[in-house]
């Protein structure tokens, strides 16, 4: 079931990133990646200067930010990759009892 469409997915991904940021199992270097991208976006140094191609100059910033956030989500510990709303994974066995 696709609840919320694209906007819902973005909100879920942002929520997962926040949880990953706070999760002690996430490697420290992975937590630094979003900060480095934020510094790059805010810095005057740019791969594609604004004067080079008007209107498309911010595209490299956007692509780099999206790729970094996707990488952070892909590096998530297994419990965070779960599709359940709270990201919880229950690993157990079960049996059916006859009534």
PDB file of N, CA and C in Angstrom:
ATOM      1  N   UNK A   1       0.838  -1.166   0.000  1.00  0.00           N
ATOM      2  CA  UNK A   1       0.000   0.000   0.000  1.00  0.00           C
ATOM      3  C   UNK A   1       0.890   1.238   0.000  1.00  0.00           C
ATOM      4  N   UNK A   2       0.604   2.190  -0.855  1.00  0.00           N
ATOM      5  CA  UNK A   2       1.374   3.412  -0.962  1.00  0.00           C
ATOM      6  C   UNK A   2       0.619   4.528  -0.260  1.00  0.00           C
ATOM      7  N   UNK A   3       0.973   4.791   0.987  1.00  0.00           N
ATOM      8  CA  UNK A   3       0.281   5.823   1.745  1.00  0.00           C
ATOM      9  C   UNK A   3       1.033   7.132   1.624  1.00  0.00           C
ATOM     10  N   UNK A   4       0.356   8.153   1.119  1.00  0.00           N
ATOM     11  CA  UNK A   4       0.948   9.472   1.063  1.00  0.00           C
ATOM     12  C   UNK A   4       1.713   9.780  -0.204  1.00  0.00           C
ATOM     13  N   UNK A   5       1.904   8.831  -1.083  1.00  0.00           N
ATOM     14  CA  UNK A   5       2.598   9.082  -2.339  1.00  0.00           C
ATOM     15  C   UNK A   5       4.037   9.527  -2.122  1.00  0.00           C
ATOM     16  N   UNK A   6       4.509  10.371  -3.013  1.00  0.00           N
ATOM     17  CA  UNK A   6       5.893  10.826  -2.975  1.00  0.00           C
ATOM     18  C   UNK A   6       6.178  11.662  -1.730  1.00  0.00           C
ATOM     19  N   UNK A   7       5.253  12.547  -1.381  1.00  0.00           N
ATOM     20  CA  UNK A   7       5.455  13.380  -0.198  1.00  0.00           C
ATOM     21  C   UNK A   7       5.526  12.522   1.060  1.00  0.00           C
ATOM     22  N   UNK A   8       4.688  11.502   1.139  1.00  0.00           N
ATOM     23  CA  UNK A   8       4.728  10.589   2.279  1.00  0.00           C
ATOM     24  C   UNK A   8       6.047   9.852   2.364  1.00  0.00           C
ATOM     25  N   UNK A   9       6.577   9.463   1.218  1.00  0.00           N
ATOM     26  CA  UNK A   9       7.870   8.759   1.196  1.00  0.00           C
ATOM     27  C   UNK A   9       8.986   9.683   1.659  1.00  0.00           C
ATOM     28  N   UNK A  10       8.951  10.938   1.227  1.00  0.00           N
ATOM     29  CA  UNK A  10       9.974  11.897   1.642  1.00  0.00           C
ATOM     30  C   UNK A  10       9.912  12.101   3.153  1.00  0.00           C
ATOM     31  N   UNK A  11       8.710  12.243   3.690  1.00  0.00           N
ATOM     32  CA  UNK A  11       8.558  12.431   5.136  1.00  0.00           C
ATOM     33  C   UNK A  11       9.057  11.201   5.889  1.00  0.00           C
ATOM     34  N   UNK A  12       8.717  10.000   5.398  1.00  0.00           N
ATOM     35  CA  UNK A  12       9.197   8.769   6.043  1.00  0.00           C
ATOM     36  C   UNK A  12      10.717   8.673   5.983  1.00  0.00           C
ATOM     37  N   UNK A  13      11.302   9.036   4.834  1.00  0.00           N
ATOM     38  CA  UNK A  13      12.761   8.984   4.709  1.00  0.00           C
ATOM     39  C   UNK A  13      13.433   9.984   5.650  1.00  0.00           C
ATOM     40  N   UNK A  14      12.877  11.186   5.773  1.00  0.00           N
ATOM     41  CA  UNK A  14      13.436  12.169   6.696  1.00  0.00           C
ATOM     42  C   UNK A  14      13.327  11.686   8.140  1.00  0.00           C
ATOM     43  N   UNK A  15      12.216  11.035   8.470  1.00  0.00           N
ATOM     44  CA  UNK A  15      12.048  10.493   9.819  1.00  0.00           C
ATOM     45  C   UNK A  15      13.070   9.378  10.073  1.00  0.00           C
ATOM     46  N   UNK A  16      13.290   8.524   9.065  1.00  0.00           N
ATOM     47  CA  UNK A  16      14.280   7.453   9.195  1.00  0.00           C
ATOM     48  C   UNK A  16      15.687   8.026   9.357  1.00  0.00           C
ATOM     49  N   UNK A  17      16.001   9.092   8.636  1.00  0.00           N
ATOM     50  CA  UNK A  17      17.318   9.726   8.746  1.00  0.00           C
ATOM     51  C   UNK A  17      17.506  10.288  10.150  1.00  0.00           C
ATOM     52  N   UNK A  18      16.464  10.897  10.708  1.00  0.00           N
ATOM     53  CA  UNK A  18      16.546  11.414  12.071  1.00  0.00           C
ATOM     54  C   UNK A  18      16.806  10.271  13.064  1.00  0.00           C
ATOM     55  N   UNK A  19      16.091   9.160  12.876  1.00  0.00           N
ATOM     56  CA  UNK A  19      16.301   8.019  13.771  1.00  0.00           C
ATOM     57  C   UNK A  19      17.703   7.442  13.594  1.00  0.00           C
ATOM     58  N   UNK A  20      18.197   7.381  12.373  1.00  0.00           N
ATOM     59  CA  UNK A  20      19.558   6.890  12.127  1.00  0.00           C
ATOM     60  C   UNK A  20      20.591   7.790  12.778  1.00  0.00           C
ATOM     61  N   UNK A  21      20.344   9.068  12.752  1.00  0.00           N
ATOM     62  CA  UNK A  21      21.259  10.043  13.348  1.00  0.00           C
ATOM     63  C   UNK A  21      21.406   9.763  14.848  1.00  0.00           C
ATOM     64  N   UNK A  22      20.314   9.355  15.469  1.00  0.00           N
ATOM     65  CA  UNK A  22      20.314   9.117  16.911  1.00  0.00           C
ATOM     66  C   UNK A  22      20.685   7.679  17.286  1.00  0.00           C
ATOM     67  N   UNK A  23      20.737   6.771  16.319  1.00  0.00           N
ATOM     68  CA  UNK A  23      21.008   5.364  16.576  1.00  0.00           C
ATOM     69  C   UNK A  23      22.508   5.146  16.799  1.00  0.00           C
ATOM     70  N   UNK A  24      22.888   4.562  17.935  1.00  0.00           N
ATOM     71  CA  UNK A  24      24.316   4.348  18.194  1.00  0.00           C
ATOM     72  C   UNK A  24      24.954   3.303  17.277  1.00  0.00           C
ATOM     73  N   UNK A  25      24.146   2.484  16.590  1.00  0.00           N
ATOM     74  CA  UNK A  25      24.707   1.482  15.679  1.00  0.00           C
ATOM     75  C   UNK A  25      25.138   2.079  14.350  1.00  0.00           C
ATOM     76  N   UNK A  26      24.689   3.284  14.040  1.00  0.00           N
ATOM     77  CA  UNK A  26      25.077   3.934  12.793  1.00  0.00           C
ATOM     78  C   UNK A  26      26.511   4.435  12.927  1.00  0.00           C
ATOM     79  N   UNK A  27      27.375   4.106  11.968  1.00  0.00           N
ATOM     80  CA  UNK A  27      28.784   4.541  12.055  1.00  0.00           C
ATOM     81  C   UNK A  27      28.900   6.064  12.099  1.00  0.00           C
ATOM     82  N   UNK A  28      29.887   6.537  12.829  1.00  0.00           N
ATOM     83  CA  UNK A  28      30.102   7.975  12.974  1.00  0.00           C
ATOM     84  C   UNK A  28      30.371   8.665  11.651  1.00  0.00           C
ATOM     85  N   UNK A  29      31.135   8.003  10.760  1.00  0.00           N
ATOM     86  CA  UNK A  29      31.445   8.638   9.478  1.00  0.00           C
ATOM     87  C   UNK A  29      30.185   8.815   8.632  1.00  0.00           C
ATOM     88  N   UNK A  30      29.205   7.912   8.798  1.00  0.00           N
ATOM     89  CA  UNK A  30      27.956   8.046   8.043  1.00  0.00           C
ATOM     90  C   UNK A  30      27.136   9.210   8.571  1.00  0.00           C
ATOM     91  N   UNK A  31      27.248   9.487   9.860  1.00  0.00           N
ATOM     92  CA  UNK A  31      26.525  10.614  10.446  1.00  0.00           C
ATOM     93  C   UNK A  31      27.124  11.953  10.019  1.00  0.00           C
ATOM     94  N   UNK A  32      28.398  11.943   9.630  1.00  0.00           N
ATOM     95  CA  UNK A  32      29.074  13.173   9.219  1.00  0.00           C
ATOM     96  C   UNK A  32      28.704  13.555   7.784  1.00  0.00           C
ATOM     97  N   UNK A  33      28.317  12.579   6.962  1.00  0.00           N
ATOM     98  CA  UNK A  33      28.019  12.849   5.551  1.00  0.00           C
ATOM     99  C   UNK A  33      26.995  13.973   5.345  1.00  0.00           C
ATOM    100  N   UNK A  34      25.835  13.960   6.022  1.00  0.00           N
ATOM    101  CA  UNK A  34      24.884  15.061   5.809  1.00  0.00           C
ATOM    102  C   UNK A  34      25.455  16.420   6.208  1.00  0.00           C
ATOM    103  N   UNK A  35      26.299  16.457   7.230  1.00  0.00           N
ATOM    104  CA  UNK A  35      26.905  17.729   7.629  1.00  0.00           C
ATOM    105  C   UNK A  35      27.868  18.236   6.557  1.00  0.00           C
ATOM    106  N   UNK A  36      28.618  17.322   5.957  1.00  0.00           N
ATOM    107  CA  UNK A  36      29.533  17.722   4.887  1.00  0.00           C
ATOM    108  C   UNK A  36      28.772  18.255   3.678  1.00  0.00           C
ATOM    109  N   UNK A  37      27.663  17.611   3.350  1.00  0.00           N
ATOM    110  CA  UNK A  37      26.858  18.095   2.221  1.00  0.00           C
ATOM    111  C   UNK A  37      26.261  19.463   2.537  1.00  0.00           C
ATOM    112  N   UNK A  38      25.812  19.654   3.764  1.00  0.00           N
ATOM    113  CA  UNK A  38      25.267  20.957   4.154  1.00  0.00           C
ATOM    114  C   UNK A  38      26.337  22.037   4.040  1.00  0.00           C
ATOM    115  N   UNK A  39      27.559  21.732   4.479  1.00  0.00           N
ATOM    116  CA  UNK A  39      28.655  22.688   4.331  1.00  0.00           C
ATOM    117  C   UNK A  39      28.932  22.989   2.864  1.00  0.00           C
ATOM    118  N   UNK A  40      28.883  21.964   2.016  1.00  0.00           N
ATOM    119  CA  UNK A  40      29.121  22.173   0.583  1.00  0.00           C
ATOM    120  C   UNK A  40      28.031  23.058  -0.022  1.00  0.00           C
ATOM    121  N   UNK A  41      26.782  22.795   0.342  1.00  0.00           N
ATOM    122  CA  UNK A  41      25.665  23.578  -0.210  1.00  0.00           C
ATOM    123  C   UNK A  41      25.773  25.031   0.223  1.00  0.00           C
ATOM    124  N   UNK A  42      26.208  25.271   1.454  1.00  0.00           N
ATOM    125  CA  UNK A  42      26.302  26.640   1.969  1.00  0.00           C
ATOM    126  C   UNK A  42      27.592  27.345   1.577  1.00  0.00           C
ATOM    127  N   UNK A  43      28.594  26.605   1.132  1.00  0.00           N
ATOM    128  CA  UNK A  43      29.883  27.217   0.807  1.00  0.00           C
ATOM    129  C   UNK A  43      29.834  27.911  -0.553  1.00  0.00           C
ATOM    130  N   UNK A  44      30.683  28.921  -0.733  1.00  0.00           N
ATOM    131  CA  UNK A  44      30.744  29.614  -2.032  1.00  0.00           C
ATOM    132  C   UNK A  44      31.463  28.793  -3.101  1.00  0.00           C
ATOM    133  N   UNK A  45      32.216  27.764  -2.702  1.00  0.00           N
ATOM    134  CA  UNK A  45      32.915  26.909  -3.664  1.00  0.00           C
ATOM    135  C   UNK A  45      31.900  25.928  -4.242  1.00  0.00           C
ATOM    136  N   UNK A  46      31.883  25.795  -5.561  1.00  0.00           N
ATOM    137  CA  UNK A  46      30.863  24.991  -6.215  1.00  0.00           C
ATOM    138  C   UNK A  46      31.463  24.276  -7.421  1.00  0.00           C
ATOM    139  N   UNK A  47      31.011  23.035  -7.681  1.00  0.00           N
ATOM    140  CA  UNK A  47      31.449  22.319  -8.877  1.00  0.00           C
ATOM    141  C   UNK A  47      30.969  23.014 -10.141  1.00  0.00           C
ATOM    142  N   UNK A  48      29.739  23.487 -10.106  1.00  0.00           N
ATOM    143  CA  UNK A  48      29.153  24.164 -11.254  1.00  0.00           C
ATOM    144  C   UNK A  48      28.771  25.583 -10.819  1.00  0.00           C
ATOM    145  N   UNK A  49      29.596  26.577 -11.130  1.00  0.00           N
ATOM    146  CA  UNK A  49      29.306  27.945 -10.690  1.00  0.00           C
ATOM    147  C   UNK A  49      27.960  28.445 -11.203  1.00  0.00           C
ATOM    148  N   UNK A  50      27.346  29.341 -10.427  1.00  0.00           N
ATOM    149  CA  UNK A  50      26.037  29.879 -10.782  1.00  0.00           C
ATOM    150  C   UNK A  50      26.062  30.647 -12.107  1.00  0.00           C
ATOM    151  N   UNK A  51      27.178  31.241 -12.438  1.00  0.00           N
ATOM    152  CA  UNK A  51      27.258  32.027 -13.675  1.00  0.00           C
ATOM    153  C   UNK A  51      27.415  31.143 -14.903  1.00  0.00           C
ATOM    154  N   UNK A  52      27.845  29.905 -14.704  1.00  0.00           N
ATOM    155  CA  UNK A  52      28.107  29.007 -15.824  1.00  0.00           C
ATOM    156  C   UNK A  52      26.815  28.635 -16.554  1.00  0.00           C
ATOM    157  N   UNK A  53      25.847  28.136 -15.843  1.00  0.00           N
ATOM    158  CA  UNK A  53      24.563  27.756 -16.433  1.00  0.00           C
ATOM    159  C   UNK A  53      23.458  28.296 -15.524  1.00  0.00           C
ATOM    160  N   UNK A  54      22.897  29.445 -15.848  1.00  0.00           N
ATOM    161  CA  UNK A  54      21.851  30.021 -14.992  1.00  0.00           C
ATOM    162  C   UNK A  54      20.658  29.062 -14.851  1.00  0.00           C
ATOM    163  N   UNK A  55      20.179  28.917 -13.644  1.00  0.00           N
ATOM    164  CA  UNK A  55      19.025  28.063 -13.391  1.00  0.00           C
ATOM    165  C   UNK A  55      19.375  26.627 -13.065  1.00  0.00           C
ATOM    166  N   UNK A  56      20.484  26.125 -13.591  1.00  0.00           N
ATOM    167  CA  UNK A  56      20.877  24.740 -13.341  1.00  0.00           C
ATOM    168  C   UNK A  56      22.023  24.621 -12.341  1.00  0.00           C
ATOM    169  N   UNK A  57      22.504  25.741 -11.860  1.00  0.00           N
ATOM    170  CA  UNK A  57      23.670  25.720 -10.985  1.00  0.00           C
ATOM    171  C   UNK A  57      23.378  25.048  -9.649  1.00  0.00           C
ATOM    172  N   UNK A  58      22.159  25.132  -9.168  1.00  0.00           N
ATOM    173  CA  UNK A  58      21.817  24.507  -7.886  1.00  0.00           C
ATOM    174  C   UNK A  58      21.523  23.022  -8.044  1.00  0.00           C
ATOM    175  N   UNK A  59      21.464  22.558  -9.278  1.00  0.00           N
ATOM    176  CA  UNK A  59      21.147  21.157  -9.525  1.00  0.00           C
ATOM    177  C   UNK A  59      22.211  20.215  -8.961  1.00  0.00           C
ATOM    178  N   UNK A  60      23.483  20.582  -9.069  1.00  0.00           N
ATOM    179  CA  UNK A  60      24.527  19.718  -8.512  1.00  0.00           C
ATOM    180  C   UNK A  60      24.414  19.634  -6.992  1.00  0.00           C
ATOM    181  N   UNK A  61      24.024  20.733  -6.341  1.00  0.00           N
ATOM    182  CA  UNK A  61      23.819  20.711  -4.891  1.00  0.00           C
ATOM    183  C   UNK A  61      22.681  19.767  -4.521  1.00  0.00           C
ATOM    184  N   UNK A  62      21.603  19.852  -5.255  1.00  0.00           N
ATOM    185  CA  UNK A  62      20.439  19.013  -4.974  1.00  0.00           C
ATOM    186  C   UNK A  62      20.763  17.535  -5.197  1.00  0.00           C
ATOM    187  N   UNK A  63      21.422  17.226  -6.301  1.00  0.00           N
ATOM    188  CA  UNK A  63      21.768  15.840  -6.611  1.00  0.00           C
ATOM    189  C   UNK A  63      22.713  15.281  -5.556  1.00  0.00           C
ATOM    190  N   UNK A  64      23.712  16.054  -5.159  1.00  0.00           N
ATOM    191  CA  UNK A  64      24.648  15.596  -4.137  1.00  0.00           C
ATOM    192  C   UNK A  64      23.939  15.359  -2.801  1.00  0.00           C
ATOM    193  N   UNK A  65      23.029  16.252  -2.428  1.00  0.00           N
ATOM    194  CA  UNK A  65      22.292  16.082  -1.175  1.00  0.00           C
ATOM    195  C   UNK A  65      21.414  14.832  -1.220  1.00  0.00           C
ATOM    196  N   UNK A  66      20.706  14.621  -2.319  1.00  0.00           N
ATOM    197  CA  UNK A  66      19.830  13.453  -2.429  1.00  0.00           C
ATOM    198  C   UNK A  66      20.618  12.148  -2.439  1.00  0.00           C
ATOM    199  N   UNK A  67      21.749  12.131  -3.153  1.00  0.00           N
ATOM    200  CA  UNK A  67      22.587  10.925  -3.178  1.00  0.00           C
ATOM    201  C   UNK A  67      23.162  10.609  -1.794  1.00  0.00           C
ATOM    202  N   UNK A  68      23.559  11.642  -1.079  1.00  0.00           N
ATOM    203  CA  UNK A  68      24.109  11.430   0.259  1.00  0.00           C
ATOM    204  C   UNK A  68      23.055  10.890   1.209  1.00  0.00           C
ATOM    205  N   UNK A  69      21.848  11.449   1.170  1.00  0.00           N
ATOM    206  CA  UNK A  69      20.783  10.968   2.047  1.00  0.00           C
ATOM    207  C   UNK A  69      20.382   9.541   1.685  1.00  0.00           C
ATOM    208  N   UNK A  70      20.375   9.210   0.397  1.00  0.00           N
ATOM    209  CA  UNK A  70      20.063   7.842  -0.016  1.00  0.00           C
ATOM    210  C   UNK A  70      21.155   6.887   0.470  1.00  0.00           C
ATOM    211  N   UNK A  71      22.421   7.315   0.380  1.00  0.00           N
ATOM    212  CA  UNK A  71      23.525   6.494   0.872  1.00  0.00           C
ATOM    213  C   UNK A  71      23.383   6.252   2.370  1.00  0.00           C
ATOM    214  N   UNK A  72      23.021   7.288   3.116  1.00  0.00           N
ATOM    215  CA  UNK A  72      22.825   7.131   4.554  1.00  0.00           C
ATOM    216  C   UNK A  72      21.708   6.138   4.841  1.00  0.00           C
ATOM    217  N   UNK A  73      20.629   6.190   4.090  1.00  0.00           N
ATOM    218  CA  UNK A  73      19.533   5.235   4.286  1.00  0.00           C
ATOM    219  C   UNK A  73      19.958   3.820   3.897  1.00  0.00           C
ATOM    220  N   UNK A  74      20.782   3.684   2.870  1.00  0.00           N
ATOM    221  CA  UNK A  74      21.248   2.362   2.457  1.00  0.00           C
ATOM    222  C   UNK A  74      22.233   1.755   3.453  1.00  0.00           C
ATOM    223  N   UNK A  75      22.920   2.603   4.204  1.00  0.00           N
ATOM    224  CA  UNK A  75      23.873   2.130   5.207  1.00  0.00           C
ATOM    225  C   UNK A  75      23.220   1.882   6.559  1.00  0.00           C
ATOM    226  N   UNK A  76      21.909   1.972   6.602  1.00  0.00           N
ATOM    227  CA  UNK A  76      21.174   1.824   7.860  1.00  0.00           C
ATOM    228  C   UNK A  76      21.362   0.434   8.440  1.00  0.00           C
ATOM    229  N   UNK A  77      21.376   0.357   9.782  1.00  0.00           N
ATOM    230  CA  UNK A  77      21.373  -0.966  10.409  1.00  0.00           C
ATOM    231  C   UNK A  77      20.115  -1.727   9.989  1.00  0.00           C
ATOM    232  N   UNK A  78      20.142  -3.053   9.996  1.00  0.00           N
ATOM    233  CA  UNK A  78      19.019  -3.851   9.490  1.00  0.00           C
ATOM    234  C   UNK A  78      17.649  -3.489  10.069  1.00  0.00           C
ATOM    235  N   UNK A  79      17.559  -3.163  11.340  1.00  0.00           N
ATOM    236  CA  UNK A  79      16.256  -2.841  11.930  1.00  0.00           C
ATOM    237  C   UNK A  79      15.667  -1.579  11.323  1.00  0.00           C
ATOM    238  N   UNK A  80      16.505  -0.652  10.888  1.00  0.00           N
ATOM    239  CA  UNK A  80      16.008   0.586  10.305  1.00  0.00           C
ATOM    240  C   UNK A  80      15.552   0.398   8.864  1.00  0.00           C
ATOM    241  N   UNK A  81      15.942  -0.679   8.219  1.00  0.00           N
ATOM    242  CA  UNK A  81      15.526  -0.922   6.842  1.00  0.00           C
ATOM    243  C   UNK A  81      14.148  -1.528   6.772  1.00  0.00           C
ATOM    244  N   UNK A  82      13.579  -1.842   7.899  1.00  0.00           N
ATOM    245  CA  UNK A  82      12.262  -2.468   7.942  1.00  0.00           C
ATOM    246  C   UNK A  82      11.216  -1.530   7.361  1.00  0.00           C
ATOM    247  N   UNK A  83      10.180  -2.106   6.777  1.00  0.00           N
ATOM    248  CA  UNK A  83       9.114  -1.280   6.218  1.00  0.00           C
ATOM    249  C   UNK A  83       8.018  -1.005   7.229  1.00  0.00           C
ATOM    250  N   UNK A  84       8.165  -1.519   8.452  1.00  0.00           N
ATOM    251  CA  UNK A  84       7.149  -1.262   9.458  1.00  0.00           C
ATOM    252  C   UNK A  84       7.226   0.197   9.884  1.00  0.00           C
ATOM    253  N   UNK A  85       6.114   0.776  10.313  1.00  0.00           N
ATOM    254  CA  UNK A  85       6.077   2.202  10.631  1.00  0.00           C
ATOM    255  C   UNK A  85       7.095   2.626  11.687  1.00  0.00           C
ATOM    256  N   UNK A  86       7.374   1.783  12.647  1.00  0.00           N
ATOM    257  CA  UNK A  86       8.296   2.160  13.713  1.00  0.00           C
ATOM    258  C   UNK A  86       9.695   1.629  13.465  1.00  0.00           C
ATOM    259  N   UNK A  87       9.903   0.875  12.402  1.00  0.00           N
ATOM    260  CA  UNK A  87      11.218   0.346  12.090  1.00  0.00           C
ATOM    261  C   UNK A  87      11.614  -0.823  12.974  1.00  0.00           C
ATOM    262  N   UNK A  88      10.648  -1.466  13.606  1.00  0.00           N
ATOM    263  CA  UNK A  88      10.946  -2.567  14.503  1.00  0.00           C
ATOM    264  C   UNK A  88      10.902  -3.893  13.750  1.00  0.00           C
ATOM    265  N   UNK A  89      11.851  -4.767  14.048  1.00  0.00           N
ATOM    266  CA  UNK A  89      11.876  -6.096  13.467  1.00  0.00           C
ATOM    267  C   UNK A  89      11.751  -7.086  14.609  1.00  0.00           C
ATOM    268  N   UNK A  90      10.792  -7.972  14.492  1.00  0.00           N
ATOM    269  CA  UNK A  90      10.605  -8.995  15.515  1.00  0.00           C
ATOM    270  C   UNK A  90      11.051 -10.313  14.918  1.00  0.00           C
ATOM    271  N   UNK A  91      12.111 -10.875  15.482  1.00  0.00           N
ATOM    272  CA  UNK A  91      12.641 -12.138  15.003  1.00  0.00           C
ATOM    273  C   UNK A  91      12.223 -13.207  16.007  1.00  0.00           C
ATOM    274  N   UNK A  92      11.269 -14.030  15.609  1.00  0.00           N
ATOM    275  CA  UNK A  92      10.743 -15.026  16.541  1.00  0.00           C
ATOM    276  C   UNK A  92      10.168 -16.198  15.766  1.00  0.00           C
ATOM    277  N   UNK A  93       9.867 -17.252  16.500  1.00  0.00           N
ATOM    278  CA  UNK A  93       9.166 -18.388  15.920  1.00  0.00           C
ATOM    279  C   UNK A  93       7.752 -18.387  16.482  1.00  0.00           C
ATOM    280  N   UNK A  94       6.867 -19.049  15.798  1.00  0.00           N
ATOM    281  CA  UNK A  94       5.494 -19.116  16.293  1.00  0.00           C
ATOM    282  C   UNK A  94       4.942 -20.498  16.058  1.00  0.00           C
ATOM    283  N   UNK A  95       3.885 -20.794  16.732  1.00  0.00           N
ATOM    284  CA  UNK A  95       3.206 -22.065  16.524  1.00  0.00           C
ATOM    285  C   UNK A  95       1.710 -21.827  16.643  1.00  0.00           C
ATOM    286  N   UNK A  96       0.944 -22.606  15.938  1.00  0.00           N
ATOM    287  CA  UNK A  96      -0.505 -22.489  15.959  1.00  0.00           C
ATOM    288  C   UNK A  96      -1.038 -23.501  16.979  1.00  0.00           C
ATOM    289  N   UNK A  97      -1.831 -22.995  17.891  1.00  0.00           N
ATOM    290  CA  UNK A  97      -2.430 -23.858  18.905  1.00  0.00           C
ATOM    291  C   UNK A  97      -3.810 -24.306  18.441  1.00  0.00           C
ATOM    292  N   UNK A  98      -4.066 -25.564  18.599  1.00  0.00           N
ATOM    293  CA  UNK A  98      -5.386 -26.096  18.260  1.00  0.00           C
ATOM    294  C   UNK A  98      -6.356 -25.702  19.351  1.00  0.00           C
ATOM    295  N   UNK A  99      -7.549 -25.336  18.973  1.00  0.00           N
ATOM    296  CA  UNK A  99      -8.540 -24.941  19.986  1.00  0.00           C
ATOM    297  C   UNK A  99      -9.374 -26.106  20.429  1.00  0.00           C
TER     298      UNK A  99
END
